[in-house]
């Protein structure tokens, strides 16, 4: 077995999307080869409804798949094809935009005002860019959880892991998408196919990955004795770790344990041209999509 070394480590950066939603961008709009087939990931954990309630009104998607994972609160979605639904805590939506849809996502917090979740964009190969759109909405209860003898728990959202198969299937990148929780002080080895690109995103607790530095803190605002202070949170929260080649990942959990997403997929290795949520292989295809948006032919008839 060969341990995957770490080739990149960073913290998610604050940004704003939609109609004024404050979130953190984990990666995206940089070099797509680093995380191929994954293009972008956003962490939209927020406890202040004023900073997310305006949501993500109608916008186009083409050429990609979007994966929305809700931890707290709800997301109401709808599209130009008449699809609609509600994602709750623990639910997943895997949307294949394919040839194109108009889409909206409107978040609502839980009883405490919390709206927590993630959205990941996966690229589609050129042969599937114009495939008919489709959805896979999966309820939390249908996502298998496997618990190892040492207490490590893994929610298997997509792909096969430790003898369990995630409920999301038929995705072009054949990803494995896991929500991993390792108890305090435990060291864990997790298999990852050698021919996949892989990354981990820490969102609770702290820990170290082999050959990685200790996850560094991010600046957060906290209220102390009634005063807002900008301090450095050393939990490792919001740390992205991108791995080099190998067939397993090793993680050492800190004193509070560690929880992270572990995602891997087969690289597509094709040119990437994008304009916001429209991702094609060439600038000419992007221009064609923009012309179709303007003349009303962006949405294709069902095949």
C-alpha atoms as a PDB file:
ATOM      1  CA  UNK A   1       0.000   0.000   0.000  1.00  0.00           C
ATOM      2  CA  UNK A   2       1.254   3.494  -0.809  1.00  0.00           C
ATOM      3  CA  UNK A   3       0.252   6.495   1.274  1.00  0.00           C
ATOM      4  CA  UNK A   4      -0.881   9.514  -0.725  1.00  0.00           C
ATOM      5  CA  UNK A   5       1.298  12.548   0.055  1.00  0.00           C
ATOM      6  CA  UNK A   6      -0.280  15.995   0.181  1.00  0.00           C
ATOM      7  CA  UNK A   7       0.388  18.268  -2.788  1.00  0.00           C
ATOM      8  CA  UNK A   8      -1.782  21.246  -1.836  1.00  0.00           C
ATOM      9  CA  UNK A   9      -3.314  22.667   1.324  1.00  0.00           C
ATOM     10  CA  UNK A  10      -5.385  25.831   1.721  1.00  0.00           C
ATOM     11  CA  UNK A  11      -8.315  27.360   3.585  1.00  0.00           C
ATOM     12  CA  UNK A  12     -11.667  28.261   2.089  1.00  0.00           C
ATOM     13  CA  UNK A  13     -12.039  31.967   1.313  1.00  0.00           C
ATOM     14  CA  UNK A  14     -15.093  34.150   2.029  1.00  0.00           C
ATOM     15  CA  UNK A  15     -17.074  35.178  -1.039  1.00  0.00           C
ATOM     16  CA  UNK A  16     -20.605  36.119  -2.088  1.00  0.00           C
ATOM     17  CA  UNK A  17     -22.844  34.400  -4.624  1.00  0.00           C
ATOM     18  CA  UNK A  18     -26.463  34.385  -5.779  1.00  0.00           C
ATOM     19  CA  UNK A  19     -28.527  37.300  -4.517  1.00  0.00           C
ATOM     20  CA  UNK A  20     -26.100  38.096  -1.709  1.00  0.00           C
ATOM     21  CA  UNK A  21     -25.369  34.761  -0.039  1.00  0.00           C
ATOM     22  CA  UNK A  22     -22.231  34.853   2.099  1.00  0.00           C
ATOM     23  CA  UNK A  23     -20.279  31.601   1.863  1.00  0.00           C
ATOM     24  CA  UNK A  24     -16.741  30.213   1.663  1.00  0.00           C
ATOM     25  CA  UNK A  25     -15.187  28.985  -1.589  1.00  0.00           C
ATOM     26  CA  UNK A  26     -13.127  25.858  -1.027  1.00  0.00           C
ATOM     27  CA  UNK A  27     -11.716  25.846  -4.569  1.00  0.00           C
ATOM     28  CA  UNK A  28     -12.740  26.877  -8.065  1.00  0.00           C
ATOM     29  CA  UNK A  29     -12.012  29.161 -11.021  1.00  0.00           C
ATOM     30  CA  UNK A  30      -8.303  28.364 -10.758  1.00  0.00           C
ATOM     31  CA  UNK A  31      -6.411  25.481 -12.351  1.00  0.00           C
ATOM     32  CA  UNK A  32      -9.071  22.790 -12.956  1.00  0.00           C
ATOM     33  CA  UNK A  33      -6.407  20.104 -13.468  1.00  0.00           C
ATOM     34  CA  UNK A  34      -5.609  20.056  -9.727  1.00  0.00           C
ATOM     35  CA  UNK A  35      -9.012  18.615  -8.770  1.00  0.00           C
ATOM     36  CA  UNK A  36     -10.193  17.196 -12.142  1.00  0.00           C
ATOM     37  CA  UNK A  37     -13.012  16.086 -12.578  1.00  0.00           C
ATOM     38  CA  UNK A  38     -14.217  18.469  -9.856  1.00  0.00           C
ATOM     39  CA  UNK A  39     -14.401  22.142 -10.792  1.00  0.00           C
ATOM     40  CA  UNK A  40     -15.576  24.041  -7.730  1.00  0.00           C
ATOM     41  CA  UNK A  41     -16.749  23.582  -4.171  1.00  0.00           C
ATOM     42  CA  UNK A  42     -18.588  25.987  -1.872  1.00  0.00           C
ATOM     43  CA  UNK A  43     -19.111  25.726   1.890  1.00  0.00           C
ATOM     44  CA  UNK A  44     -22.321  27.621   2.673  1.00  0.00           C
ATOM     45  CA  UNK A  45     -22.446  27.231   6.455  1.00  0.00           C
ATOM     46  CA  UNK A  46     -24.003  30.356   7.929  1.00  0.00           C
ATOM     47  CA  UNK A  47     -25.978  31.027  11.117  1.00  0.00           C
ATOM     48  CA  UNK A  48     -27.315  34.460  10.140  1.00  0.00           C
ATOM     49  CA  UNK A  49     -30.439  34.272   7.932  1.00  0.00           C
ATOM     50  CA  UNK A  50     -29.878  37.815   6.659  1.00  0.00           C
ATOM     51  CA  UNK A  51     -26.705  36.581   4.965  1.00  0.00           C
ATOM     52  CA  UNK A  52     -28.288  33.719   3.007  1.00  0.00           C
ATOM     53  CA  UNK A  53     -32.088  34.103   2.859  1.00  0.00           C
ATOM     54  CA  UNK A  54     -32.085  35.784  -0.584  1.00  0.00           C
ATOM     55  CA  UNK A  55     -30.668  32.583  -1.969  1.00  0.00           C
ATOM     56  CA  UNK A  56     -29.789  31.707  -5.532  1.00  0.00           C
ATOM     57  CA  UNK A  57     -32.581  32.910  -7.869  1.00  0.00           C
ATOM     58  CA  UNK A  58     -33.006  31.647 -11.424  1.00  0.00           C
ATOM     59  CA  UNK A  59     -29.706  30.979 -13.187  1.00  0.00           C
ATOM     60  CA  UNK A  60     -28.545  28.692 -16.016  1.00  0.00           C
ATOM     61  CA  UNK A  61     -26.440  25.534 -15.842  1.00  0.00           C
ATOM     62  CA  UNK A  62     -24.899  23.563 -18.705  1.00  0.00           C
ATOM     63  CA  UNK A  63     -22.143  20.984 -19.081  1.00  0.00           C
ATOM     64  CA  UNK A  64     -21.734  20.071 -15.404  1.00  0.00           C
ATOM     65  CA  UNK A  65     -23.217  18.135 -12.511  1.00  0.00           C
ATOM     66  CA  UNK A  66     -23.882  19.825  -9.161  1.00  0.00           C
ATOM     67  CA  UNK A  67     -23.878  17.954  -5.858  1.00  0.00           C
ATOM     68  CA  UNK A  68     -25.656  19.628  -2.942  1.00  0.00           C
ATOM     69  CA  UNK A  69     -25.212  18.147   0.551  1.00  0.00           C
ATOM     70  CA  UNK A  70     -27.306  19.722   3.330  1.00  0.00           C
ATOM     71  CA  UNK A  71     -26.225  19.443   6.981  1.00  0.00           C
ATOM     72  CA  UNK A  72     -28.739  21.816   8.620  1.00  0.00           C
ATOM     73  CA  UNK A  73     -31.684  23.849   7.391  1.00  0.00           C
ATOM     74  CA  UNK A  74     -33.462  23.252   4.081  1.00  0.00           C
ATOM     75  CA  UNK A  75     -33.006  24.137   0.418  1.00  0.00           C
ATOM     76  CA  UNK A  76     -36.052  24.490  -1.824  1.00  0.00           C
ATOM     77  CA  UNK A  77     -35.209  23.997  -5.484  1.00  0.00           C
ATOM     78  CA  UNK A  78     -37.019  24.317  -8.788  1.00  0.00           C
ATOM     79  CA  UNK A  79     -36.187  24.436 -12.472  1.00  0.00           C
ATOM     80  CA  UNK A  80     -37.429  25.309 -15.938  1.00  0.00           C
ATOM     81  CA  UNK A  81     -38.425  21.689 -16.599  1.00  0.00           C
ATOM     82  CA  UNK A  82     -40.997  21.720 -13.817  1.00  0.00           C
ATOM     83  CA  UNK A  83     -38.941  19.806 -11.263  1.00  0.00           C
ATOM     84  CA  UNK A  84     -39.121  20.958  -7.651  1.00  0.00           C
ATOM     85  CA  UNK A  85     -38.298  19.624  -4.221  1.00  0.00           C
ATOM     86  CA  UNK A  86     -37.019  20.269  -0.725  1.00  0.00           C
ATOM     87  CA  UNK A  87     -33.674  19.138   0.648  1.00  0.00           C
ATOM     88  CA  UNK A  88     -33.424  18.749   4.421  1.00  0.00           C
ATOM     89  CA  UNK A  89     -30.673  17.938   6.903  1.00  0.00           C
ATOM     90  CA  UNK A  90     -28.558  15.035   5.689  1.00  0.00           C
ATOM     91  CA  UNK A  91     -30.137  14.989   2.218  1.00  0.00           C
ATOM     92  CA  UNK A  92     -28.266  14.995  -1.088  1.00  0.00           C
ATOM     93  CA  UNK A  93     -29.164  16.274  -4.537  1.00  0.00           C
ATOM     94  CA  UNK A  94     -27.095  15.280  -7.567  1.00  0.00           C
ATOM     95  CA  UNK A  95     -28.202  17.365 -10.535  1.00  0.00           C
ATOM     96  CA  UNK A  96     -26.971  16.631 -14.045  1.00  0.00           C
ATOM     97  CA  UNK A  97     -27.412  19.911 -15.899  1.00  0.00           C
ATOM     98  CA  UNK A  98     -26.280  18.408 -19.206  1.00  0.00           C
ATOM     99  CA  UNK A  99     -27.620  20.349 -22.196  1.00  0.00           C
ATOM    100  CA  UNK A 100     -29.004  23.047 -19.931  1.00  0.00           C
ATOM    101  CA  UNK A 101     -31.610  24.095 -17.408  1.00  0.00           C
ATOM    102  CA  UNK A 102     -32.673  27.231 -15.589  1.00  0.00           C
ATOM    103  CA  UNK A 103     -32.476  26.534 -11.885  1.00  0.00           C
ATOM    104  CA  UNK A 104     -33.063  28.181  -8.516  1.00  0.00           C
ATOM    105  CA  UNK A 105     -32.107  27.217  -4.963  1.00  0.00           C
ATOM    106  CA  UNK A 106     -33.626  29.000  -1.973  1.00  0.00           C
ATOM    107  CA  UNK A 107     -32.185  28.187   1.487  1.00  0.00           C
ATOM    108  CA  UNK A 108     -34.013  28.399   4.782  1.00  0.00           C
ATOM    109  CA  UNK A 109     -32.447  27.939   8.198  1.00  0.00           C
ATOM    110  CA  UNK A 110     -33.438  25.510  10.924  1.00  0.00           C
ATOM    111  CA  UNK A 111     -35.055  26.488  14.242  1.00  0.00           C
ATOM    112  CA  UNK A 112     -31.778  28.157  15.298  1.00  0.00           C
ATOM    113  CA  UNK A 113     -31.308  29.965  11.976  1.00  0.00           C
ATOM    114  CA  UNK A 114     -28.522  27.656  10.802  1.00  0.00           C
ATOM    115  CA  UNK A 115     -28.080  26.939   7.103  1.00  0.00           C
ATOM    116  CA  UNK A 116     -25.212  24.512   6.667  1.00  0.00           C
ATOM    117  CA  UNK A 117     -24.177  22.572   3.579  1.00  0.00           C
ATOM    118  CA  UNK A 118     -21.867  22.156   0.625  1.00  0.00           C
ATOM    119  CA  UNK A 119     -22.126  22.310  -3.140  1.00  0.00           C
ATOM    120  CA  UNK A 120     -19.617  20.565  -5.386  1.00  0.00           C
ATOM    121  CA  UNK A 121     -19.415  20.905  -9.179  1.00  0.00           C
ATOM    122  CA  UNK A 122     -18.320  17.893 -11.238  1.00  0.00           C
ATOM    123  CA  UNK A 123     -17.366  18.295 -14.873  1.00  0.00           C
ATOM    124  CA  UNK A 124     -18.968  16.324 -17.685  1.00  0.00           C
ATOM    125  CA  UNK A 125     -16.857  14.878 -20.516  1.00  0.00           C
ATOM    126  CA  UNK A 126     -17.446  16.350 -23.970  1.00  0.00           C
ATOM    127  CA  UNK A 127     -19.487  13.286 -24.966  1.00  0.00           C
ATOM    128  CA  UNK A 128     -22.039  14.027 -22.222  1.00  0.00           C
ATOM    129  CA  UNK A 129     -22.054  17.842 -22.180  1.00  0.00           C
ATOM    130  CA  UNK A 130     -25.398  17.929 -24.011  1.00  0.00           C
ATOM    131  CA  UNK A 131     -27.024  14.935 -22.308  1.00  0.00           C
ATOM    132  CA  UNK A 132     -30.634  15.450 -21.093  1.00  0.00           C
ATOM    133  CA  UNK A 133     -30.817  16.989 -17.598  1.00  0.00           C
ATOM    134  CA  UNK A 134     -31.790  14.803 -14.645  1.00  0.00           C
ATOM    135  CA  UNK A 135     -31.945  14.794 -10.846  1.00  0.00           C
ATOM    136  CA  UNK A 136     -31.177  12.361  -8.091  1.00  0.00           C
ATOM    137  CA  UNK A 137     -32.705  13.493  -4.793  1.00  0.00           C
ATOM    138  CA  UNK A 138     -31.667  11.257  -1.907  1.00  0.00           C
ATOM    139  CA  UNK A 139     -33.064  11.429   1.616  1.00  0.00           C
ATOM    140  CA  UNK A 140     -30.742  11.197   4.607  1.00  0.00           C
ATOM    141  CA  UNK A 141     -32.289   7.928   5.760  1.00  0.00           C
ATOM    142  CA  UNK A 142     -31.291   6.273   2.472  1.00  0.00           C
ATOM    143  CA  UNK A 143     -27.579   7.110   2.784  1.00  0.00           C
ATOM    144  CA  UNK A 144     -25.732   4.137   4.330  1.00  0.00           C
ATOM    145  CA  UNK A 145     -23.460   4.637   7.325  1.00  0.00           C
ATOM    146  CA  UNK A 146     -20.697   2.158   8.046  1.00  0.00           C
ATOM    147  CA  UNK A 147     -18.976   2.188  11.458  1.00  0.00           C
ATOM    148  CA  UNK A 148     -15.576   0.547  11.978  1.00  0.00           C
ATOM    149  CA  UNK A 149     -14.440  -1.149  15.190  1.00  0.00           C
ATOM    150  CA  UNK A 150     -12.573   1.973  16.366  1.00  0.00           C
ATOM    151  CA  UNK A 151     -15.663   4.168  16.048  1.00  0.00           C
ATOM    152  CA  UNK A 152     -14.813   5.733  12.684  1.00  0.00           C
ATOM    153  CA  UNK A 153     -18.114   6.440  10.899  1.00  0.00           C
ATOM    154  CA  UNK A 154     -18.482   6.965   7.144  1.00  0.00           C
ATOM    155  CA  UNK A 155     -21.610   8.110   5.295  1.00  0.00           C
ATOM    156  CA  UNK A 156     -21.339   6.650   1.794  1.00  0.00           C
ATOM    157  CA  UNK A 157     -23.027   9.168  -0.474  1.00  0.00           C
ATOM    158  CA  UNK A 158     -21.691   7.932  -3.780  1.00  0.00           C
ATOM    159  CA  UNK A 159     -19.529   4.983  -4.816  1.00  0.00           C
ATOM    160  CA  UNK A 160     -18.495   1.798  -3.010  1.00  0.00           C
ATOM    161  CA  UNK A 161     -16.680   1.910   0.318  1.00  0.00           C
ATOM    162  CA  UNK A 162     -16.130  -0.697   3.049  1.00  0.00           C
ATOM    163  CA  UNK A 163     -18.733  -2.988   1.519  1.00  0.00           C
ATOM    164  CA  UNK A 164     -21.449  -0.329   1.214  1.00  0.00           C
ATOM    165  CA  UNK A 165     -22.708   1.346  -1.957  1.00  0.00           C
ATOM    166  CA  UNK A 166     -23.961   4.919  -1.950  1.00  0.00           C
ATOM    167  CA  UNK A 167     -27.435   5.575  -3.388  1.00  0.00           C
ATOM    168  CA  UNK A 168     -26.295   8.082  -6.036  1.00  0.00           C
ATOM    169  CA  UNK A 169     -25.366   6.314  -9.282  1.00  0.00           C
ATOM    170  CA  UNK A 170     -24.826   6.803 -12.998  1.00  0.00           C
ATOM    171  CA  UNK A 171     -22.573   9.831 -12.532  1.00  0.00           C
ATOM    172  CA  UNK A 172     -20.052  10.489 -15.316  1.00  0.00           C
ATOM    173  CA  UNK A 173     -16.989  10.983 -13.078  1.00  0.00           C
ATOM    174  CA  UNK A 174     -17.757   7.777 -11.139  1.00  0.00           C
ATOM    175  CA  UNK A 175     -16.966   9.634  -7.921  1.00  0.00           C
ATOM    176  CA  UNK A 176     -16.643   8.345  -4.412  1.00  0.00           C
ATOM    177  CA  UNK A 177     -18.103  10.923  -2.016  1.00  0.00           C
ATOM    178  CA  UNK A 178     -17.756  10.195   1.708  1.00  0.00           C
ATOM    179  CA  UNK A 179     -18.553  12.035   4.949  1.00  0.00           C
ATOM    180  CA  UNK A 180     -15.945  10.713   7.397  1.00  0.00           C
ATOM    181  CA  UNK A 181     -15.863  11.103  11.200  1.00  0.00           C
ATOM    182  CA  UNK A 182     -12.801   9.821  13.090  1.00  0.00           C
ATOM    183  CA  UNK A 183     -12.899   9.755  16.930  1.00  0.00           C
ATOM    184  CA  UNK A 184     -10.395  11.752  19.032  1.00  0.00           C
ATOM    185  CA  UNK A 185      -6.830  10.487  18.900  1.00  0.00           C
ATOM    186  CA  UNK A 186      -7.510   7.749  16.364  1.00  0.00           C
ATOM    187  CA  UNK A 187      -5.340   7.110  13.321  1.00  0.00           C
ATOM    188  CA  UNK A 188      -7.182   5.848  10.266  1.00  0.00           C
ATOM    189  CA  UNK A 189      -6.167   4.511   6.863  1.00  0.00           C
ATOM    190  CA  UNK A 190      -8.731   4.952   4.118  1.00  0.00           C
ATOM    191  CA  UNK A 191      -8.424   3.312   0.668  1.00  0.00           C
ATOM    192  CA  UNK A 192      -8.541   5.497  -2.455  1.00  0.00           C
ATOM    193  CA  UNK A 193      -8.214   4.142  -5.987  1.00  0.00           C
ATOM    194  CA  UNK A 194      -4.757   4.900  -7.387  1.00  0.00           C
ATOM    195  CA  UNK A 195      -6.114   6.291 -10.657  1.00  0.00           C
ATOM    196  CA  UNK A 196      -8.388   8.874  -9.060  1.00  0.00           C
ATOM    197  CA  UNK A 197      -7.770  12.443  -8.036  1.00  0.00           C
ATOM    198  CA  UNK A 198      -8.700  12.917  -4.388  1.00  0.00           C
ATOM    199  CA  UNK A 199      -9.165  15.658  -1.812  1.00  0.00           C
ATOM    200  CA  UNK A 200     -10.344  16.025   1.769  1.00  0.00           C
ATOM    201  CA  UNK A 201     -12.220  19.000   3.192  1.00  0.00           C
ATOM    202  CA  UNK A 202     -12.152  19.352   6.982  1.00  0.00           C
ATOM    203  CA  UNK A 203     -15.251  20.982   8.453  1.00  0.00           C
ATOM    204  CA  UNK A 204     -15.153  19.974  12.120  1.00  0.00           C
ATOM    205  CA  UNK A 205     -12.472  19.149  14.648  1.00  0.00           C
ATOM    206  CA  UNK A 206      -8.826  18.876  13.665  1.00  0.00           C
ATOM    207  CA  UNK A 207      -6.262  16.369  12.521  1.00  0.00           C
ATOM    208  CA  UNK A 208      -3.243  15.704  10.355  1.00  0.00           C
ATOM    209  CA  UNK A 209      -2.840  13.804   7.112  1.00  0.00           C
ATOM    210  CA  UNK A 210       0.399  11.983   6.432  1.00  0.00           C
ATOM    211  CA  UNK A 211       3.032  14.337   4.981  1.00  0.00           C
ATOM    212  CA  UNK A 212       0.721  17.288   5.650  1.00  0.00           C
ATOM    213  CA  UNK A 213       1.320  20.126   8.042  1.00  0.00           C
ATOM    214  CA  UNK A 214      -1.147  20.534  10.872  1.00  0.00           C
ATOM    215  CA  UNK A 215      -4.353  22.115   9.513  1.00  0.00           C
ATOM    216  CA  UNK A 216      -3.898  25.805  10.068  1.00  0.00           C
ATOM    217  CA  UNK A 217      -6.472  28.128  11.527  1.00  0.00           C
ATOM    218  CA  UNK A 218      -8.738  30.490   9.663  1.00  0.00           C
ATOM    219  CA  UNK A 219      -9.715  33.953  10.804  1.00  0.00           C
ATOM    220  CA  UNK A 220     -13.235  34.007  12.181  1.00  0.00           C
ATOM    221  CA  UNK A 221     -15.352  36.573  13.999  1.00  0.00           C
ATOM    222  CA  UNK A 222     -16.349  35.550  17.498  1.00  0.00           C
ATOM    223  CA  UNK A 223     -18.157  37.430  20.216  1.00  0.00           C
ATOM    224  CA  UNK A 224     -16.209  37.570  23.492  1.00  0.00           C
ATOM    225  CA  UNK A 225     -17.708  39.482  26.453  1.00  0.00           C
ATOM    226  CA  UNK A 226     -20.055  41.274  24.079  1.00  0.00           C
ATOM    227  CA  UNK A 227     -17.265  42.384  21.740  1.00  0.00           C
ATOM    228  CA  UNK A 228     -16.721  41.138  18.172  1.00  0.00           C
ATOM    229  CA  UNK A 229     -13.143  39.908  17.843  1.00  0.00           C
ATOM    230  CA  UNK A 230     -11.298  38.675  14.770  1.00  0.00           C
ATOM    231  CA  UNK A 231      -9.322  35.675  15.990  1.00  0.00           C
ATOM    232  CA  UNK A 232      -7.598  32.659  14.493  1.00  0.00           C
ATOM    233  CA  UNK A 233      -9.522  29.419  14.888  1.00  0.00           C
ATOM    234  CA  UNK A 234      -6.998  26.565  15.172  1.00  0.00           C
ATOM    235  CA  UNK A 235      -9.538  23.777  14.779  1.00  0.00           C
ATOM    236  CA  UNK A 236      -8.516  23.059  11.206  1.00  0.00           C
ATOM    237  CA  UNK A 237     -12.053  23.967  10.151  1.00  0.00           C
ATOM    238  CA  UNK A 238     -12.448  24.831   6.446  1.00  0.00           C
ATOM    239  CA  UNK A 239      -9.120  23.285   5.406  1.00  0.00           C
ATOM    240  CA  UNK A 240      -8.759  21.755   1.935  1.00  0.00           C
ATOM    241  CA  UNK A 241      -6.176  18.991   1.473  1.00  0.00           C
ATOM    242  CA  UNK A 242      -5.469  17.798  -2.093  1.00  0.00           C
ATOM    243  CA  UNK A 243      -3.604  14.511  -2.355  1.00  0.00           C
ATOM    244  CA  UNK A 244      -0.981  13.283  -4.787  1.00  0.00           C
ATOM    245  CA  UNK A 245      -0.986   9.715  -6.155  1.00  0.00           C
ATOM    246  CA  UNK A 246      -1.201   6.586  -4.025  1.00  0.00           C
ATOM    247  CA  UNK A 247      -3.822   4.073  -2.935  1.00  0.00           C
ATOM    248  CA  UNK A 248      -4.690   5.173   0.585  1.00  0.00           C
ATOM    249  CA  UNK A 249      -5.035   8.246   2.767  1.00  0.00           C
ATOM    250  CA  UNK A 250      -3.911   8.299   6.398  1.00  0.00           C
ATOM    251  CA  UNK A 251      -5.440  10.698   8.919  1.00  0.00           C
ATOM    252  CA  UNK A 252      -4.566  11.253  12.582  1.00  0.00           C
ATOM    253  CA  UNK A 253      -7.499  12.773  14.481  1.00  0.00           C
ATOM    254  CA  UNK A 254      -6.876  15.533  17.006  1.00  0.00           C
ATOM    255  CA  UNK A 255      -8.200  15.929  20.550  1.00  0.00           C
ATOM    256  CA  UNK A 256     -11.712  16.799  19.330  1.00  0.00           C
ATOM    257  CA  UNK A 257     -11.812  14.171  16.596  1.00  0.00           C
ATOM    258  CA  UNK A 258     -12.113  15.155  12.958  1.00  0.00           C
ATOM    259  CA  UNK A 259     -14.910  15.232  10.391  1.00  0.00           C
ATOM    260  CA  UNK A 260     -14.224  15.739   6.714  1.00  0.00           C
ATOM    261  CA  UNK A 261     -15.486  15.065   3.221  1.00  0.00           C
ATOM    262  CA  UNK A 262     -13.290  12.645   1.266  1.00  0.00           C
ATOM    263  CA  UNK A 263     -13.973  12.925  -2.459  1.00  0.00           C
ATOM    264  CA  UNK A 264     -12.307  11.201  -5.391  1.00  0.00           C
ATOM    265  CA  UNK A 265     -13.047  10.842  -9.080  1.00  0.00           C
ATOM    266  CA  UNK A 266     -11.564   9.762 -12.398  1.00  0.00           C
ATOM    267  CA  UNK A 267      -9.952  12.744 -14.160  1.00  0.00           C
ATOM    268  CA  UNK A 268     -11.526  13.718 -17.488  1.00  0.00           C
ATOM    269  CA  UNK A 269      -8.401  15.438 -18.834  1.00  0.00           C
ATOM    270  CA  UNK A 270     -10.200  17.635 -21.374  1.00  0.00           C
ATOM    271  CA  UNK A 271      -9.978  21.378 -22.029  1.00  0.00           C
ATOM    272  CA  UNK A 272     -12.183  23.470 -19.722  1.00  0.00           C
ATOM    273  CA  UNK A 273     -13.893  26.678 -20.810  1.00  0.00           C
ATOM    274  CA  UNK A 274     -16.416  28.211 -18.456  1.00  0.00           C
ATOM    275  CA  UNK A 275     -18.578  31.211 -17.884  1.00  0.00           C
ATOM    276  CA  UNK A 276     -20.016  30.980 -14.394  1.00  0.00           C
ATOM    277  CA  UNK A 277     -22.275  27.894 -14.221  1.00  0.00           C
ATOM    278  CA  UNK A 278     -21.802  27.073 -17.930  1.00  0.00           C
ATOM    279  CA  UNK A 279     -18.807  24.789 -18.507  1.00  0.00           C
ATOM    280  CA  UNK A 280     -17.832  23.568 -21.966  1.00  0.00           C
ATOM    281  CA  UNK A 281     -14.640  22.560 -23.786  1.00  0.00           C
ATOM    282  CA  UNK A 282     -14.091  25.654 -25.933  1.00  0.00           C
ATOM    283  CA  UNK A 283     -14.741  29.382 -25.987  1.00  0.00           C
ATOM    284  CA  UNK A 284     -16.856  28.900 -29.101  1.00  0.00           C
ATOM    285  CA  UNK A 285     -19.208  26.572 -27.189  1.00  0.00           C
ATOM    286  CA  UNK A 286     -19.513  29.148 -24.407  1.00  0.00           C
ATOM    287  CA  UNK A 287     -20.423  31.849 -26.937  1.00  0.00           C
ATOM    288  CA  UNK A 288     -23.006  29.512 -28.475  1.00  0.00           C
ATOM    289  CA  UNK A 289     -24.565  28.968 -25.050  1.00  0.00           C
ATOM    290  CA  UNK A 290     -24.719  32.719 -24.440  1.00  0.00           C
ATOM    291  CA  UNK A 291     -26.428  33.273 -27.806  1.00  0.00           C
ATOM    292  CA  UNK A 292     -28.961  30.572 -26.937  1.00  0.00           C
ATOM    293  CA  UNK A 293     -29.668  32.225 -23.590  1.00  0.00           C
ATOM    294  CA  UNK A 294     -30.371  35.469 -25.417  1.00  0.00           C
ATOM    295  CA  UNK A 295     -32.576  34.012 -28.159  1.00  0.00           C
ATOM    296  CA  UNK A 296     -34.524  31.589 -25.956  1.00  0.00           C
ATOM    297  CA  UNK A 297     -33.147  28.296 -27.299  1.00  0.00           C
ATOM    298  CA  UNK A 298     -30.957  27.373 -24.322  1.00  0.00           C
ATOM    299  CA  UNK A 299     -33.417  24.791 -22.951  1.00  0.00           C
ATOM    300  CA  UNK A 300     -33.556  21.765 -25.235  1.00  0.00           C
ATOM    301  CA  UNK A 301     -36.618  19.605 -25.876  1.00  0.00           C
ATOM    302  CA  UNK A 302     -36.711  16.282 -24.057  1.00  0.00           C
ATOM    303  CA  UNK A 303     -35.183  13.473 -26.095  1.00  0.00           C
END
